[in-house]
Protein backbone atom coordinates (compact mmCIF):
# COMPACT_ATOMS: atom_id res chain seq x y z
CA MET A 1 25.94 4.13 -54.21
CA PRO A 2 23.35 6.85 -55.30
CA ALA A 3 24.40 10.42 -55.17
CA THR A 4 23.15 12.19 -51.83
CA MET A 5 22.13 15.87 -51.15
CA GLU A 6 22.11 16.74 -47.24
CA VAL A 7 19.52 19.13 -46.69
CA ARG A 8 18.37 21.19 -43.69
CA CYS A 9 15.42 23.17 -42.80
CA THR A 10 16.09 26.57 -41.02
CA ASP A 11 12.13 27.30 -40.75
CA SER A 12 11.59 27.96 -36.85
CA ASP A 13 8.45 26.52 -36.79
CA CYS A 14 9.74 23.27 -38.28
CA GLU A 15 11.02 20.42 -36.20
CA LEU A 16 13.08 18.44 -38.90
CA ASP A 17 16.54 18.82 -38.58
CA MET A 18 18.05 17.45 -41.40
CA PHE A 19 16.73 14.95 -44.50
CA GLU A 20 18.92 13.45 -47.22
CA LEU A 21 17.83 13.10 -51.20
CA HIS A 22 19.09 10.26 -52.76
CA TYR A 23 18.75 10.03 -56.32
CA THR A 24 19.75 7.08 -58.71
CA TYR A 25 19.40 8.72 -62.24
CA ASP A 26 20.95 11.34 -63.65
CA MET A 27 20.16 14.85 -62.14
CA PRO A 28 20.57 18.20 -64.20
CA ASP A 29 23.81 19.89 -63.15
CA ASP A 30 21.54 23.22 -62.56
CA VAL A 31 19.37 21.47 -60.22
CA THR A 32 19.59 22.70 -56.60
CA VAL A 33 17.92 22.50 -53.26
CA GLU A 34 15.69 25.37 -54.39
CA GLU A 35 13.71 22.71 -56.58
CA PHE A 36 12.85 20.94 -53.39
CA THR A 37 10.35 21.63 -50.64
CA CYS A 38 10.95 20.29 -46.83
CA PRO A 39 8.64 17.04 -46.52
CA TYR A 40 7.92 17.99 -42.81
CA CYS A 41 6.73 21.53 -43.34
CA GLY A 42 6.30 22.46 -46.92
CA THR A 43 8.54 25.29 -46.86
CA THR A 44 10.99 25.96 -49.92
CA ALA A 45 12.76 29.25 -48.83
CA GLY A 46 14.33 27.73 -45.38
CA LEU A 47 15.95 24.67 -47.32
CA GLU A 48 19.97 24.82 -47.17
CA GLU A 49 22.47 22.29 -48.51
CA ILE A 50 24.91 20.89 -45.93
CA GLU A 51 28.31 21.14 -47.19
CA LEU A 52 30.32 18.64 -45.70
């Protein structure tokens, strides 16, 4: 099963509550949620990784 990162967008104007990043290749250890943008509103500042 590929690794996943669950992310939420906290921008109050964004209607997307969460999304998953699935990756099947080796991600560098220093990649964090700050490397990505919200696929709905395009923001980077309001993204948070969901820790289960």
